[in-house]
C-alpha atoms as a PDB file:
ATOM      1  CA  MET A   1     119.490  84.375  90.016  1.00  0.00           C
ATOM      2  CA  SER A   2     118.718  83.844  93.884  1.00  0.00           C
ATOM      3  CA  PHE A   3     120.970  86.595  94.824  1.00  0.00           C
ATOM      4  CA  PHE A   4     118.810  89.208  93.107  1.00  0.00           C
ATOM      5  CA  ALA A   5     115.107  87.285  93.446  1.00  0.00           C
ATOM      6  CA  LYS A   6     113.933  84.249  95.150  1.00  0.00           C
ATOM      7  CA  GLU A   7     111.347  81.828  93.646  1.00  0.00           C
ATOM      8  CA  VAL A   8     107.635  82.244  95.115  1.00  0.00           C
ATOM      9  CA  ILE A   9     105.522  79.065  94.379  1.00  0.00           C
ATOM     10  CA  ASP A  10     101.985  79.844  93.565  1.00  0.00           C
ATOM     11  CA  GLN A  11      99.664  76.851  92.790  1.00  0.00           C
ATOM     12  CA  GLU A  12      96.861  79.431  91.741  1.00  0.00           C
ATOM     13  CA  TRP A  13      98.548  81.717  89.707  1.00  0.00           C
ATOM     14  CA  GLY A  14     102.062  79.569  88.840  1.00  0.00           C
ATOM     15  CA  ASN A  15     105.594  80.355  90.131  1.00  0.00           C
ATOM     16  CA  TYR A  16     106.857  83.466  89.739  1.00  0.00           C
ATOM     17  CA  PHE A  17     110.038  85.543  91.236  1.00  0.00           C
ATOM     18  CA  GLU A  18     110.202  88.459  94.082  1.00  0.00           C
ATOM     19  CA  LEU A  19     113.202  90.725  94.077  1.00  0.00           C
ATOM     20  CA  THR A  20     115.669  90.531  96.887  1.00  0.00           C
ATOM     21  CA  ARG A  21     117.212  93.644  98.494  1.00  0.00           C
ATOM     22  CA  ALA A  22     120.131  93.442  96.246  1.00  0.00           C
ATOM     23  CA  GLY A  23     117.895  92.767  93.295  1.00  0.00           C
ATOM     24  CA  TYR A  24     115.975  96.226  94.137  1.00  0.00           C
ATOM     25  CA  GLY A  25     119.286  98.044  94.421  1.00  0.00           C
ATOM     26  CA  THR A  26     120.842  96.926  91.473  1.00  0.00           C
ATOM     27  CA  LEU A  27     118.073  97.760  89.462  1.00  0.00           C
ATOM     28  CA  VAL A  28     118.201 101.373  90.913  1.00  0.00           C
ATOM     29  CA  ALA A  29     121.954 101.975  90.297  1.00  0.00           C
ATOM     30  CA  VAL A  30     121.054 100.794  86.789  1.00  0.00           C
ATOM     31  CA  MET A  31     118.184 103.059  86.172  1.00  0.00           C
ATOM     32  CA  ILE A  32     120.129 105.956  87.596  1.00  0.00           C
ATOM     33  CA  ALA A  33     122.970 105.214  85.230  1.00  0.00           C
ATOM     34  CA  ILE A  34     120.714 105.042  82.303  1.00  0.00           C
ATOM     35  CA  LEU A  35     119.083 108.281  83.183  1.00  0.00           C
ATOM     36  CA  LEU A  36     122.349 110.014  83.848  1.00  0.00           C
ATOM     37  CA  ALA A  37     124.100 108.799  80.680  1.00  0.00           C
ATOM     38  CA  ALA A  38     120.746 109.602  78.785  1.00  0.00           C
ATOM     39  CA  CYS A  39     121.354 113.317  79.934  1.00  0.00           C
ATOM     40  CA  PHE A  40     124.981 114.085  78.463  1.00  0.00           C
ATOM     41  CA  ILE A  41     125.106 111.746  75.373  1.00  0.00           C
ATOM     42  CA  SER A  42     122.210 113.208  73.929  1.00  0.00           C
ATOM     43  CA  GLY A  43     122.470 116.907  74.155  1.00  0.00           C
ATOM     44  CA  LYS A  44     122.617 119.214  70.852  1.00  0.00           C
ATOM     45  CA  SER A  45     125.363 120.943  72.672  1.00  0.00           C
ATOM     46  CA  GLY A  46     127.048 118.510  74.668  1.00  0.00           C
ATOM     47  CA  SER A  47     127.206 121.251  77.356  1.00  0.00           C
ATOM     48  CA  LYS A  48     127.109 120.285  81.131  1.00  0.00           C
ATOM     49  CA  ARG A  49     124.528 122.774  81.426  1.00  0.00           C
ATOM     50  CA  PHE A  50     122.424 121.000  78.656  1.00  0.00           C
ATOM     51  CA  GLY A  51     122.665 117.971  80.472  1.00  0.00           C
ATOM     52  CA  THR A  52     121.726 119.230  83.930  1.00  0.00           C
ATOM     53  CA  ARG A  53     118.514 120.796  82.220  1.00  0.00           C
ATOM     54  CA  GLN A  54     117.615 117.239  80.609  1.00  0.00           C
ATOM     55  CA  LEU A  55     118.148 115.857  83.642  1.00  0.00           C
ATOM     56  CA  VAL A  56     116.018 118.101  85.553  1.00  0.00           C
ATOM     57  CA  PHE A  57     113.186 117.732  82.998  1.00  0.00           C
ATOM     58  CA  SER A  58     113.755 113.945  82.426  1.00  0.00           C
ATOM     59  CA  SER A  59     113.214 113.336  86.272  1.00  0.00           C
ATOM     60  CA  MET A  60     110.385 115.384  86.219  1.00  0.00           C
ATOM     61  CA  ALA A  61     108.814 113.683  83.586  1.00  0.00           C
ATOM     62  CA  MET A  62     109.654 110.073  85.115  1.00  0.00           C
ATOM     63  CA  ALA A  63     107.971 111.361  88.172  1.00  0.00           C
ATOM     64  CA  LEU A  64     104.791 112.613  86.575  1.00  0.00           C
ATOM     65  CA  ALA A  65     104.775 109.443  84.876  1.00  0.00           C
ATOM     66  CA  THR A  66     105.011 107.368  87.913  1.00  0.00           C
ATOM     67  CA  VAL A  67     102.516 109.142  89.741  1.00  0.00           C
ATOM     68  CA  THR A  68      99.534 108.836  86.922  1.00  0.00           C
ATOM     69  CA  SER A  69     100.735 105.557  86.337  1.00  0.00           C
ATOM     70  CA  MET A  70      99.228 104.773  89.677  1.00  0.00           C
ATOM     71  CA  ILE A  71      96.053 106.405  88.993  1.00  0.00           C
ATOM     72  CA  LYS A  72      94.345 103.569  87.342  1.00  0.00           C
ATOM     73  CA  VAL A  73      90.957 104.448  85.231  1.00  0.00           C
ATOM     74  CA  VAL A  74      90.862 100.668  84.361  1.00  0.00           C
ATOM     75  CA  ASP A  75      92.710  97.933  85.830  1.00  0.00           C
ATOM     76  CA  MET A  76      92.932  94.708  83.820  1.00  0.00           C
ATOM     77  CA  PRO A  77      92.783  91.486  85.871  1.00  0.00           C
ATOM     78  CA  MET A  78      95.966  89.931  83.919  1.00  0.00           C
ATOM     79  CA  GLY A  79      97.903  93.165  84.032  1.00  0.00           C
ATOM     80  CA  GLY A  80      98.113  96.478  82.416  1.00  0.00           C
ATOM     81  CA  SER A  81      95.860  99.379  82.746  1.00  0.00           C
ATOM     82  CA  VAL A  82      94.387 102.590  81.250  1.00  0.00           C
ATOM     83  CA  THR A  83      96.441 105.410  83.577  1.00  0.00           C
ATOM     84  CA  PHE A  84      95.934 108.996  83.695  1.00  0.00           C
ATOM     85  CA  PHE A  85      98.146 109.770  80.282  1.00  0.00           C
ATOM     86  CA  SER A  86     101.264 108.200  82.344  1.00  0.00           C
ATOM     87  CA  MET A  87     102.724 107.071  78.676  1.00  0.00           C
ATOM     88  CA  LEU A  88     102.574 110.488  77.417  1.00  0.00           C
ATOM     89  CA  PHE A  89     104.958 112.326  80.123  1.00  0.00           C
ATOM     90  CA  ILE A  90     107.861 109.353  78.813  1.00  0.00           C
ATOM     91  CA  CYS A  91     106.792 110.220  75.306  1.00  0.00           C
ATOM     92  CA  LEU A  92     107.595 113.853  76.036  1.00  0.00           C
ATOM     93  CA  ILE A  93     111.116 113.337  77.044  1.00  0.00           C
ATOM     94  CA  GLY A  94     112.030 111.963  73.080  1.00  0.00           C
ATOM     95  CA  TYR A  95     109.801 114.828  71.755  1.00  0.00           C
ATOM     96  CA  TRP A  96     112.016 117.230  73.884  1.00  0.00           C
ATOM     97  CA  PHE A  97     115.332 115.736  73.576  1.00  0.00           C
ATOM     98  CA  GLY A  98     115.591 113.642  70.739  1.00  0.00           C
ATOM     99  CA  PHE A  99     115.810 109.945  70.018  1.00  0.00           C
ATOM    100  CA  LYS A 100     118.906 109.034  72.476  1.00  0.00           C
ATOM    101  CA  GLY A 101     117.964 110.669  75.393  1.00  0.00           C
ATOM    102  CA  GLY A 102     114.431 109.688  74.760  1.00  0.00           C
ATOM    103  CA  LEU A 103     115.077 106.167  74.449  1.00  0.00           C
ATOM    104  CA  MET A 104     117.398 106.057  77.201  1.00  0.00           C
ATOM    105  CA  THR A 105     115.144 107.711  79.790  1.00  0.00           C
ATOM    106  CA  ALA A 106     112.277 105.558  78.528  1.00  0.00           C
ATOM    107  CA  ILE A 107     114.474 102.258  79.403  1.00  0.00           C
ATOM    108  CA  ALA A 108     115.392 104.038  82.616  1.00  0.00           C
ATOM    109  CA  TYR A 109     111.269 104.231  83.415  1.00  0.00           C
ATOM    110  CA  GLY A 110     110.903 100.676  82.497  1.00  0.00           C
ATOM    111  CA  PHE A 111     113.356  99.568  85.487  1.00  0.00           C
ATOM    112  CA  LEU A 112     111.567 102.174  87.588  1.00  0.00           C
ATOM    113  CA  GLN A 113     108.075 100.344  86.938  1.00  0.00           C
ATOM    114  CA  LEU A 114     110.113  96.756  87.378  1.00  0.00           C
ATOM    115  CA  ILE A 115     111.204  98.177  90.947  1.00  0.00           C
ATOM    116  CA  ILE A 116     107.800  99.695  91.394  1.00  0.00           C
ATOM    117  CA  GLU A 117     105.483  96.741  90.396  1.00  0.00           C
ATOM    118  CA  PRO A 118     107.604  93.550  89.686  1.00  0.00           C
ATOM    119  CA  TYR A 119     105.807  90.464  88.143  1.00  0.00           C
ATOM    120  CA  ILE A 120     108.960  88.058  87.049  1.00  0.00           C
ATOM    121  CA  ILE A 121     108.203  84.902  85.683  1.00  0.00           C
ATOM    122  CA  SER A 122     111.367  84.657  83.996  1.00  0.00           C
ATOM    123  CA  ILE A 123     114.420  86.851  82.527  1.00  0.00           C
ATOM    124  CA  PRO A 124     112.979  87.009  78.883  1.00  0.00           C
ATOM    125  CA  GLN A 125     109.365  87.928  80.394  1.00  0.00           C
ATOM    126  CA  MET A 126     111.057  90.402  82.329  1.00  0.00           C
ATOM    127  CA  LEU A 127     113.046  92.575  79.647  1.00  0.00           C
ATOM    128  CA  THR A 128     109.677  92.092  77.205  1.00  0.00           C
ATOM    129  CA  ASP A 129     107.475  93.268  79.440  1.00  0.00           C
ATOM    130  CA  TYR A 130     109.246  96.410  81.280  1.00  0.00           C
ATOM    131  CA  ILE A 131     112.618  97.152  79.413  1.00  0.00           C
ATOM    132  CA  LEU A 132     111.430  96.601  76.017  1.00  0.00           C
ATOM    133  CA  ALA A 133     107.888  97.360  75.947  1.00  0.00           C
ATOM    134  CA  PHE A 134     108.477 100.871  78.237  1.00  0.00           C
ATOM    135  CA  GLY A 135     111.827 101.707  76.263  1.00  0.00           C
ATOM    136  CA  ALA A 136     109.810 101.647  73.020  1.00  0.00           C
ATOM    137  CA  LEU A 137     108.340 104.766  74.256  1.00  0.00           C
ATOM    138  CA  GLY A 138     111.383 106.575  73.517  1.00  0.00           C
ATOM    139  CA  LEU A 139     110.834 106.103  70.092  1.00  0.00           C
ATOM    140  CA  SER A 140     108.829 109.463  70.292  1.00  0.00           C
ATOM    141  CA  GLY A 141     111.958 111.164  69.879  1.00  0.00           C
ATOM    142  CA  LEU A 142     112.342 109.750  65.897  1.00  0.00           C
ATOM    143  CA  PHE A 143     109.874 112.887  65.363  1.00  0.00           C
ATOM    144  CA  SER A 144     111.216 115.414  67.802  1.00  0.00           C
ATOM    145  CA  ASN A 145     112.018 117.925  64.810  1.00  0.00           C
ATOM    146  CA  SER A 146     108.909 117.176  62.767  1.00  0.00           C
ATOM    147  CA  ARG A 147     105.346 118.959  62.073  1.00  0.00           C
ATOM    148  CA  TYR A 148     103.205 117.404  64.501  1.00  0.00           C
ATOM    149  CA  GLY A 149     106.280 115.648  65.944  1.00  0.00           C
ATOM    150  CA  LEU A 150     104.232 115.161  69.587  1.00  0.00           C
ATOM    151  CA  ILE A 151     101.324 113.477  68.048  1.00  0.00           C
ATOM    152  CA  LYS A 152     103.524 111.176  65.504  1.00  0.00           C
ATOM    153  CA  GLY A 153     106.107 110.388  68.211  1.00  0.00           C
ATOM    154  CA  PHE A 154     103.519 109.363  70.563  1.00  0.00           C
ATOM    155  CA  LEU A 155     101.535 107.267  68.323  1.00  0.00           C
ATOM    156  CA  LEU A 156     104.823 105.335  67.183  1.00  0.00           C
ATOM    157  CA  GLY A 157     106.089 105.101  70.817  1.00  0.00           C
ATOM    158  CA  VAL A 158     102.707 103.651  71.695  1.00  0.00           C
ATOM    159  CA  LEU A 159     102.834 101.320  68.976  1.00  0.00           C
ATOM    160  CA  GLY A 160     106.267 100.147  70.001  1.00  0.00           C
ATOM    161  CA  ARG A 161     104.995  99.169  73.372  1.00  0.00           C
ATOM    162  CA  TYR A 162     101.946  97.402  72.166  1.00  0.00           C
ATOM    163  CA  PHE A 163     104.216  95.315  69.805  1.00  0.00           C
ATOM    164  CA  PHE A 164     106.300  94.445  72.871  1.00  0.00           C
ATOM    165  CA  ALA A 165     103.215  93.438  75.262  1.00  0.00           C
ATOM    166  CA  PHE A 166     101.476  91.650  72.497  1.00  0.00           C
ATOM    167  CA  LEU A 167     104.715  89.577  72.182  1.00  0.00           C
ATOM    168  CA  SER A 168     104.963  89.094  75.736  1.00  0.00           C
ATOM    169  CA  GLY A 169     101.310  88.281  76.108  1.00  0.00           C
ATOM    170  CA  MET A 170     101.498  85.740  73.037  1.00  0.00           C
ATOM    171  CA  ILE A 171     104.394  83.970  74.387  1.00  0.00           C
ATOM    172  CA  PHE A 172     104.399  83.970  77.987  1.00  0.00           C
ATOM    173  CA  PHE A 173     100.646  84.495  78.760  1.00  0.00           C
ATOM    174  CA  GLY A 174      98.954  83.081  75.624  1.00  0.00           C
ATOM    175  CA  SER A 175      97.454  80.052  77.827  1.00  0.00           C
ATOM    176  CA  TYR A 176      94.992  82.351  79.470  1.00  0.00           C
ATOM    177  CA  GLY A 177      93.205  82.872  76.024  1.00  0.00           C
ATOM    178  CA  GLU A 178      91.950  79.282  76.159  1.00  0.00           C
ATOM    179  CA  TYR A 179      89.373  80.522  79.099  1.00  0.00           C
ATOM    180  CA  TYR A 180      87.934  82.720  76.020  1.00  0.00           C
ATOM    181  CA  ASN A 181      88.072  80.508  73.361  1.00  0.00           C
ATOM    182  CA  MET A 182      90.868  82.340  71.528  1.00  0.00           C
ATOM    183  CA  SER A 183      94.575  81.413  70.234  1.00  0.00           C
ATOM    184  CA  ALA A 184      97.332  83.107  72.152  1.00  0.00           C
ATOM    185  CA  PRO A 185      98.085  85.953  69.221  1.00  0.00           C
ATOM    186  CA  ILE A 186      94.295  86.800  69.013  1.00  0.00           C
ATOM    187  CA  TYR A 187      93.931  87.100  72.885  1.00  0.00           C
ATOM    188  CA  SER A 188      97.164  88.897  73.140  1.00  0.00           C
ATOM    189  CA  LEU A 189      96.240  91.431  70.449  1.00  0.00           C
ATOM    190  CA  ALA A 190      92.681  91.978  72.060  1.00  0.00           C
ATOM    191  CA  TYR A 191      93.899  92.108  75.569  1.00  0.00           C
ATOM    192  CA  ASN A 192      96.807  94.606  75.193  1.00  0.00           C
ATOM    193  CA  GLY A 193      94.835  96.405  72.457  1.00  0.00           C
ATOM    194  CA  ALA A 194      92.128  97.219  75.040  1.00  0.00           C
ATOM    195  CA  TYR A 195      94.145  98.826  77.684  1.00  0.00           C
ATOM    196  CA  ILE A 196      96.826 100.362  75.480  1.00  0.00           C
ATOM    197  CA  GLY A 197      94.461 101.465  72.662  1.00  0.00           C
ATOM    198  CA  LEU A 198      91.941 103.013  75.060  1.00  0.00           C
ATOM    199  CA  GLU A 199      94.597 105.383  76.828  1.00  0.00           C
ATOM    200  CA  THR A 200      96.002 106.182  73.413  1.00  0.00           C
ATOM    201  CA  LEU A 201      92.516 107.541  72.209  1.00  0.00           C
ATOM    202  CA  PHE A 202      92.165 109.776  75.481  1.00  0.00           C
ATOM    203  CA  THR A 203      95.826 111.129  75.159  1.00  0.00           C
ATOM    204  CA  LEU A 204      95.139 112.171  71.569  1.00  0.00           C
ATOM    205  CA  ILE A 205      92.137 113.836  72.468  1.00  0.00           C
ATOM    206  CA  LEU A 206      94.136 115.919  75.126  1.00  0.00           C
ATOM    207  CA  ILE A 207      96.868 116.697  73.079  1.00  0.00           C
ATOM    208  CA  ALA A 208      94.294 117.990  70.412  1.00  0.00           C
ATOM    209  CA  ILE A 209      93.016 120.884  72.387  1.00  0.00           C
ATOM    210  CA  PRO A 210      94.522 123.726  71.665  1.00  0.00           C
ATOM    211  CA  PRO A 211      95.481 125.300  74.809  1.00  0.00           C
ATOM    212  CA  VAL A 212      97.092 122.133  75.549  1.00  0.00           C
ATOM    213  CA  ASN A 213      99.418 121.836  72.588  1.00  0.00           C
ATOM    214  CA  LYS A 214     100.464 125.250  72.991  1.00  0.00           C
ATOM    215  CA  GLY A 215     101.261 124.639  76.474  1.00  0.00           C
ATOM    216  CA  LEU A 216     103.407 121.555  75.817  1.00  0.00           C
ATOM    217  CA  ALA A 217     104.970 123.459  72.842  1.00  0.00           C
ATOM    218  CA  ARG A 218     105.771 126.312  75.432  1.00  0.00           C
ATOM    219  CA  VAL A 219     107.155 123.444  78.021  1.00  0.00           C
ATOM    220  CA  LYS A 220     109.774 122.052  74.939  1.00  0.00           C
ATOM    221  CA  VAL A 221     110.848 125.666  74.748  1.00  0.00           C
ATOM    222  CA  MET A 222     111.713 125.874  78.698  1.00  0.00           C
ATOM    223  CA  ALA A 223     113.499 122.327  78.525  1.00  0.00           C
ATOM    224  CA  LEU A 224     115.588 123.291  75.394  1.00  0.00           C
ATOM    225  CA  GLY A 225     116.450 126.546  77.228  1.00  0.00           C
ATOM    226  CA  GLU A 226     115.320 128.011  74.082  1.00  0.00           C
ATOM    227  CA  SER A 227     113.724 131.822  73.215  1.00  0.00           C
ATOM    228  CA  ALA A 228     110.152 131.673  72.828  1.00  0.00           C
END
């Protein structure tokens, strides 16, 4: 693993790994490959035009999610934060383009988050915290053609992210629960539920505002290249 990451010994926070240049380069290449693959295997028509349109909108959504993820309303001490609706932008990909495109683009976003803010203590933790947790937001695509599909898809995606965040917190960071006299599962449920739940509440309120809901529906029409 030394070629892609080097170990850092920290007596206060414990040992972790920092990515090397090769590690960053590899992650960037994988992210781009997944994003491109998502755009050309999930189109309803399979056409090059549709794939290009999906690439543009997916890239825009990932960029907006990245920017808003840096606007932290609440920043938790051990990782995780309430952001400026960043999860919504990733869930929109599934809402627009369906399950395959949504899932693969969300996984690509997980790689992007790993590139921007890496915290690695082991490969299983890295996969759970970044690839699986953020990738789960792509589950929103299961309701892309459903009534109230955005709300239902967003909730499913968030629940997926919460599950993997809980799993990571319980397995890899559960020992911190001792400081609060909590067992590892209870600590992880409460800790991850606090910031994910709060952002989910704020986002649902935003989506429920009629002008916002109508605006997002119009953007979906634009993304799919359909007539209003």
